Amino acid sequence: MASGIQFDPAAIRALANILRETDLSEIEIVEKDSRVRVVRHVAPPAQLMVQAAPAPTAVAPAAAASSAAEPEADHPGTVTSPMVGVAYLAPEPGSAPFIQLGAKVAQGQTLLLIEAMKTFNQIRAPRAGTITRILIETGTPVEFGEALLVLE
């Protein structure tokens, strides 16, 4: 007879539902000698093209992060935040950023992290392309649907 810990399947389903309802990517519950960790992989939201993109304009790099954030929301290559949280461009302070302007990225490559409820969620490239704009800075609070960067 194996002496294993018994978990309530209904409780695990409830945790999975909490992940889905709150857009979290993982949750962990620890009680005495037991631990349950539920993880889900979040696919980036599909990008819809409502209208043709405006012709590109030259913007100074310092102004790109602030003044270009709103117009870029309509760009078909805009990657938006799937959740509310704090965005980080590097895996940890002082380390190299995941991406840089002009960098070529592969589909599924990590672009940045968004911390939500003490959990770091990887935001991955929805397709291969080149980073043409980075619209946030590390440590920036972001909202659901906010433009983060442009991938062409």
C-alpha atoms as a PDB file:
ATOM      1  CA  MET A   1       0.000   0.000   0.000  1.00  0.00           C
ATOM      2  CA  ALA A   2       1.559   3.290  -1.093  1.00  0.00           C
ATOM      3  CA  SER A   3       1.648   6.111   1.405  1.00  0.00           C
ATOM      4  CA  GLY A   4       0.974   9.068  -0.857  1.00  0.00           C
ATOM      5  CA  ILE A   5      -0.744  12.350  -0.230  1.00  0.00           C
ATOM      6  CA  GLN A   6      -4.353  12.459  -1.422  1.00  0.00           C
ATOM      7  CA  PHE A   7      -5.562  15.600  -3.210  1.00  0.00           C
ATOM      8  CA  ASP A   8      -9.144  16.575  -3.827  1.00  0.00           C
ATOM      9  CA  PRO A   9      -9.713  16.738  -7.607  1.00  0.00           C
ATOM     10  CA  ALA A  10     -12.480  19.312  -7.082  1.00  0.00           C
ATOM     11  CA  ALA A  11     -10.017  21.584  -5.264  1.00  0.00           C
ATOM     12  CA  ILE A  12      -7.505  21.267  -8.109  1.00  0.00           C
ATOM     13  CA  ARG A  13     -10.243  22.119 -10.648  1.00  0.00           C
ATOM     14  CA  ALA A  14     -11.177  25.135  -8.507  1.00  0.00           C
ATOM     15  CA  LEU A  15      -7.541  26.323  -8.578  1.00  0.00           C
ATOM     16  CA  ALA A  16      -7.447  25.876 -12.359  1.00  0.00           C
ATOM     17  CA  ASN A  17     -10.628  27.952 -12.647  1.00  0.00           C
ATOM     18  CA  ILE A  18      -9.054  30.695 -10.527  1.00  0.00           C
ATOM     19  CA  LEU A  19      -6.092  30.781 -12.956  1.00  0.00           C
ATOM     20  CA  ARG A  20      -8.420  31.092 -15.923  1.00  0.00           C
ATOM     21  CA  GLU A  21     -10.613  33.780 -14.306  1.00  0.00           C
ATOM     22  CA  THR A  22      -7.692  35.944 -13.145  1.00  0.00           C
ATOM     23  CA  ASP A  23      -5.346  35.459 -16.153  1.00  0.00           C
ATOM     24  CA  LEU A  24      -2.626  34.130 -13.843  1.00  0.00           C
ATOM     25  CA  SER A  25      -0.199  31.537 -15.174  1.00  0.00           C
ATOM     26  CA  GLU A  26       0.338  29.597 -11.944  1.00  0.00           C
ATOM     27  CA  ILE A  27      -0.860  29.222  -8.366  1.00  0.00           C
ATOM     28  CA  GLU A  28       0.566  27.237  -5.460  1.00  0.00           C
ATOM     29  CA  ILE A  29      -1.044  26.216  -2.150  1.00  0.00           C
ATOM     30  CA  VAL A  30       1.083  24.862   0.720  1.00  0.00           C
ATOM     31  CA  GLU A  31      -0.455  23.352   3.859  1.00  0.00           C
ATOM     32  CA  LYS A  32       1.586  21.431   6.435  1.00  0.00           C
ATOM     33  CA  ASP A  33       3.221  18.555   4.531  1.00  0.00           C
ATOM     34  CA  SER A  34       1.334  18.963   1.259  1.00  0.00           C
ATOM     35  CA  ARG A  35       1.768  21.251  -1.690  1.00  0.00           C
ATOM     36  CA  VAL A  36      -0.349  21.761  -4.824  1.00  0.00           C
ATOM     37  CA  ARG A  37       0.939  23.780  -7.757  1.00  0.00           C
ATOM     38  CA  VAL A  38      -1.245  24.376 -10.813  1.00  0.00           C
ATOM     39  CA  VAL A  39       0.376  25.910 -13.908  1.00  0.00           C
ATOM     40  CA  ARG A  40      -1.163  26.880 -17.223  1.00  0.00           C
ATOM     41  CA  HIS A  41       0.493  28.106 -20.376  1.00  0.00           C
ATOM     42  CA  VAL A  42      -1.040  31.361 -21.553  1.00  0.00           C
ATOM     43  CA  ALA A  43      -1.099  31.941 -25.301  1.00  0.00           C
ATOM     44  CA  PRO A  44      -0.744  35.565 -26.375  1.00  0.00           C
ATOM     45  CA  PRO A  45      -4.018  37.116 -27.486  1.00  0.00           C
ATOM     46  CA  ALA A  46      -4.691  37.055 -31.210  1.00  0.00           C
ATOM     47  CA  GLN A  47      -4.035  40.318 -32.977  1.00  0.00           C
ATOM     48  CA  LEU A  48      -6.876  41.653 -35.093  1.00  0.00           C
ATOM     49  CA  MET A  49      -6.246  44.016 -37.981  1.00  0.00           C
ATOM     50  CA  VAL A  50      -9.031  46.599 -37.997  1.00  0.00           C
ATOM     51  CA  GLN A  51      -7.596  48.923 -40.617  1.00  0.00           C
ATOM     52  CA  ALA A  52      -4.435  49.372 -42.631  1.00  0.00           C
ATOM     53  CA  ALA A  53      -1.469  50.642 -40.640  1.00  0.00           C
ATOM     54  CA  PRO A  54      -0.522  54.298 -41.120  1.00  0.00           C
ATOM     55  CA  ALA A  55       2.688  55.068 -42.964  1.00  0.00           C
ATOM     56  CA  PRO A  56       5.696  54.920 -40.628  1.00  0.00           C
ATOM     57  CA  THR A  57       6.979  58.204 -39.312  1.00  0.00           C
ATOM     58  CA  ALA A  58      10.338  59.073 -37.829  1.00  0.00           C
ATOM     59  CA  VAL A  59      10.176  59.493 -34.053  1.00  0.00           C
ATOM     60  CA  ALA A  60      13.134  60.219 -31.812  1.00  0.00           C
ATOM     61  CA  PRO A  61      13.916  57.180 -29.586  1.00  0.00           C
ATOM     62  CA  ALA A  62      13.272  59.126 -26.358  1.00  0.00           C
ATOM     63  CA  ALA A  63       9.870  60.231 -27.618  1.00  0.00           C
ATOM     64  CA  ALA A  64       8.949  56.802 -28.970  1.00  0.00           C
ATOM     65  CA  ALA A  65       8.131  55.339 -25.560  1.00  0.00           C
ATOM     66  CA  SER A  66       5.822  58.143 -24.503  1.00  0.00           C
ATOM     67  CA  SER A  67       4.201  59.778 -27.523  1.00  0.00           C
ATOM     68  CA  ALA A  68       3.978  56.724 -29.787  1.00  0.00           C
ATOM     69  CA  ALA A  69       2.236  54.387 -27.322  1.00  0.00           C
ATOM     70  CA  GLU A  70      -1.287  55.458 -28.303  1.00  0.00           C
ATOM     71  CA  PRO A  71      -0.932  55.459 -32.130  1.00  0.00           C
ATOM     72  CA  GLU A  72       0.810  52.063 -32.009  1.00  0.00           C
ATOM     73  CA  ALA A  73      -2.279  50.448 -30.472  1.00  0.00           C
ATOM     74  CA  ASP A  74      -3.793  50.248 -33.994  1.00  0.00           C
ATOM     75  CA  HIS A  75      -0.636  48.852 -35.629  1.00  0.00           C
ATOM     76  CA  PRO A  76      -1.142  45.199 -36.695  1.00  0.00           C
ATOM     77  CA  GLY A  77       2.227  44.198 -35.220  1.00  0.00           C
ATOM     78  CA  THR A  78       1.518  45.615 -31.776  1.00  0.00           C
ATOM     79  CA  VAL A  79       1.986  43.172 -28.912  1.00  0.00           C
ATOM     80  CA  THR A  80      -0.380  44.055 -26.075  1.00  0.00           C
ATOM     81  CA  SER A  81      -0.444  43.124 -22.419  1.00  0.00           C
ATOM     82  CA  PRO A  82      -2.623  40.099 -21.638  1.00  0.00           C
ATOM     83  CA  MET A  83      -2.913  41.214 -17.993  1.00  0.00           C
ATOM     84  CA  VAL A  84      -2.486  43.985 -15.442  1.00  0.00           C
ATOM     85  CA  GLY A  85       0.917  44.047 -13.768  1.00  0.00           C
ATOM     86  CA  VAL A  86       4.438  45.444 -13.866  1.00  0.00           C
ATOM     87  CA  ALA A  87       6.516  44.894 -17.016  1.00  0.00           C
ATOM     88  CA  TYR A  88      10.184  43.934 -16.955  1.00  0.00           C
ATOM     89  CA  LEU A  89      12.403  43.858 -20.042  1.00  0.00           C
ATOM     90  CA  ALA A  90      15.118  41.688 -18.421  1.00  0.00           C
ATOM     91  CA  PRO A  91      14.965  38.464 -16.411  1.00  0.00           C
ATOM     92  CA  GLU A  92      16.540  40.167 -13.392  1.00  0.00           C
ATOM     93  CA  PRO A  93      18.006  43.563 -12.459  1.00  0.00           C
ATOM     94  CA  GLY A  94      21.370  44.213 -14.100  1.00  0.00           C
ATOM     95  CA  SER A  95      21.060  41.425 -16.664  1.00  0.00           C
ATOM     96  CA  ALA A  96      20.736  41.819 -20.426  1.00  0.00           C
ATOM     97  CA  PRO A  97      17.219  42.579 -21.699  1.00  0.00           C
ATOM     98  CA  PHE A  98      15.219  39.911 -23.522  1.00  0.00           C
ATOM     99  CA  ILE A  99      14.912  42.181 -26.590  1.00  0.00           C
ATOM    100  CA  GLN A 100      16.384  45.328 -28.143  1.00  0.00           C
ATOM    101  CA  LEU A 101      15.278  47.621 -30.953  1.00  0.00           C
ATOM    102  CA  GLY A 102      16.028  46.033 -34.301  1.00  0.00           C
ATOM    103  CA  ALA A 103      16.381  42.548 -32.830  1.00  0.00           C
ATOM    104  CA  LYS A 104      14.945  39.644 -34.800  1.00  0.00           C
ATOM    105  CA  VAL A 105      12.794  37.322 -32.690  1.00  0.00           C
ATOM    106  CA  ALA A 106      11.337  33.879 -33.280  1.00  0.00           C
ATOM    107  CA  GLN A 107       7.725  32.924 -32.663  1.00  0.00           C
ATOM    108  CA  GLY A 108       7.370  31.895 -29.013  1.00  0.00           C
ATOM    109  CA  GLN A 109      10.524  33.716 -27.895  1.00  0.00           C
ATOM    110  CA  THR A 110      10.224  35.531 -24.552  1.00  0.00           C
ATOM    111  CA  LEU A 111       9.895  39.276 -25.138  1.00  0.00           C
ATOM    112  CA  LEU A 112       9.442  40.478 -21.556  1.00  0.00           C
ATOM    113  CA  LEU A 113       7.956  39.535 -18.190  1.00  0.00           C
ATOM    114  CA  ILE A 114       4.853  40.869 -16.495  1.00  0.00           C
ATOM    115  CA  GLU A 115       4.667  40.448 -12.750  1.00  0.00           C
ATOM    116  CA  ALA A 116       1.126  39.950 -11.494  1.00  0.00           C
ATOM    117  CA  MET A 117       0.370  38.904  -7.917  1.00  0.00           C
ATOM    118  CA  LYS A 118       4.038  38.021  -7.255  1.00  0.00           C
ATOM    119  CA  THR A 119       4.151  35.733 -10.297  1.00  0.00           C
ATOM    120  CA  PHE A 120       6.336  36.481 -13.316  1.00  0.00           C
ATOM    121  CA  ASN A 121       4.516  35.699 -16.567  1.00  0.00           C
ATOM    122  CA  GLN A 122       6.477  35.365 -19.791  1.00  0.00           C
ATOM    123  CA  ILE A 123       5.109  37.360 -22.702  1.00  0.00           C
ATOM    124  CA  ARG A 124       6.103  35.525 -25.857  1.00  0.00           C
ATOM    125  CA  ALA A 125       6.309  36.623 -29.484  1.00  0.00           C
ATOM    126  CA  PRO A 126       3.067  35.747 -31.294  1.00  0.00           C
ATOM    127  CA  ARG A 127       5.054  35.411 -34.541  1.00  0.00           C
ATOM    128  CA  ALA A 128       8.586  35.851 -35.881  1.00  0.00           C
ATOM    129  CA  GLY A 129       9.695  39.357 -36.797  1.00  0.00           C
ATOM    130  CA  THR A 130      11.802  42.385 -35.930  1.00  0.00           C
ATOM    131  CA  ILE A 131      11.301  44.621 -32.887  1.00  0.00           C
ATOM    132  CA  THR A 132      10.675  48.102 -34.313  1.00  0.00           C
ATOM    133  CA  ARG A 133       9.369  49.864 -31.195  1.00  0.00           C
ATOM    134  CA  ILE A 134       9.539  49.231 -27.457  1.00  0.00           C
ATOM    135  CA  LEU A 135       6.775  51.275 -25.873  1.00  0.00           C
ATOM    136  CA  ILE A 136       7.481  50.617 -22.187  1.00  0.00           C
ATOM    137  CA  GLU A 137      10.403  50.776 -19.807  1.00  0.00           C
ATOM    138  CA  THR A 138      11.340  48.164 -17.252  1.00  0.00           C
ATOM    139  CA  GLY A 139       9.333  48.547 -14.049  1.00  0.00           C
ATOM    140  CA  THR A 140       6.411  50.184 -15.882  1.00  0.00           C
ATOM    141  CA  PRO A 141       2.917  49.331 -14.592  1.00  0.00           C
ATOM    142  CA  VAL A 142       0.811  48.070 -17.516  1.00  0.00           C
ATOM    143  CA  GLU A 143      -2.908  47.544 -18.049  1.00  0.00           C
ATOM    144  CA  PHE A 144      -4.743  44.775 -19.880  1.00  0.00           C
ATOM    145  CA  GLY A 145      -4.616  45.498 -23.638  1.00  0.00           C
ATOM    146  CA  GLU A 146      -1.901  48.174 -23.318  1.00  0.00           C
ATOM    147  CA  ALA A 147       0.564  48.334 -26.226  1.00  0.00           C
ATOM    148  CA  LEU A 148       3.977  46.971 -25.130  1.00  0.00           C
ATOM    149  CA  LEU A 149       5.987  46.821 -28.360  1.00  0.00           C
ATOM    150  CA  VAL A 150       5.723  46.577 -32.126  1.00  0.00           C
ATOM    151  CA  LEU A 151       6.846  43.466 -33.959  1.00  0.00           C
ATOM    152  CA  GLU A 152       7.101  43.739 -37.767  1.00  0.00           C
END
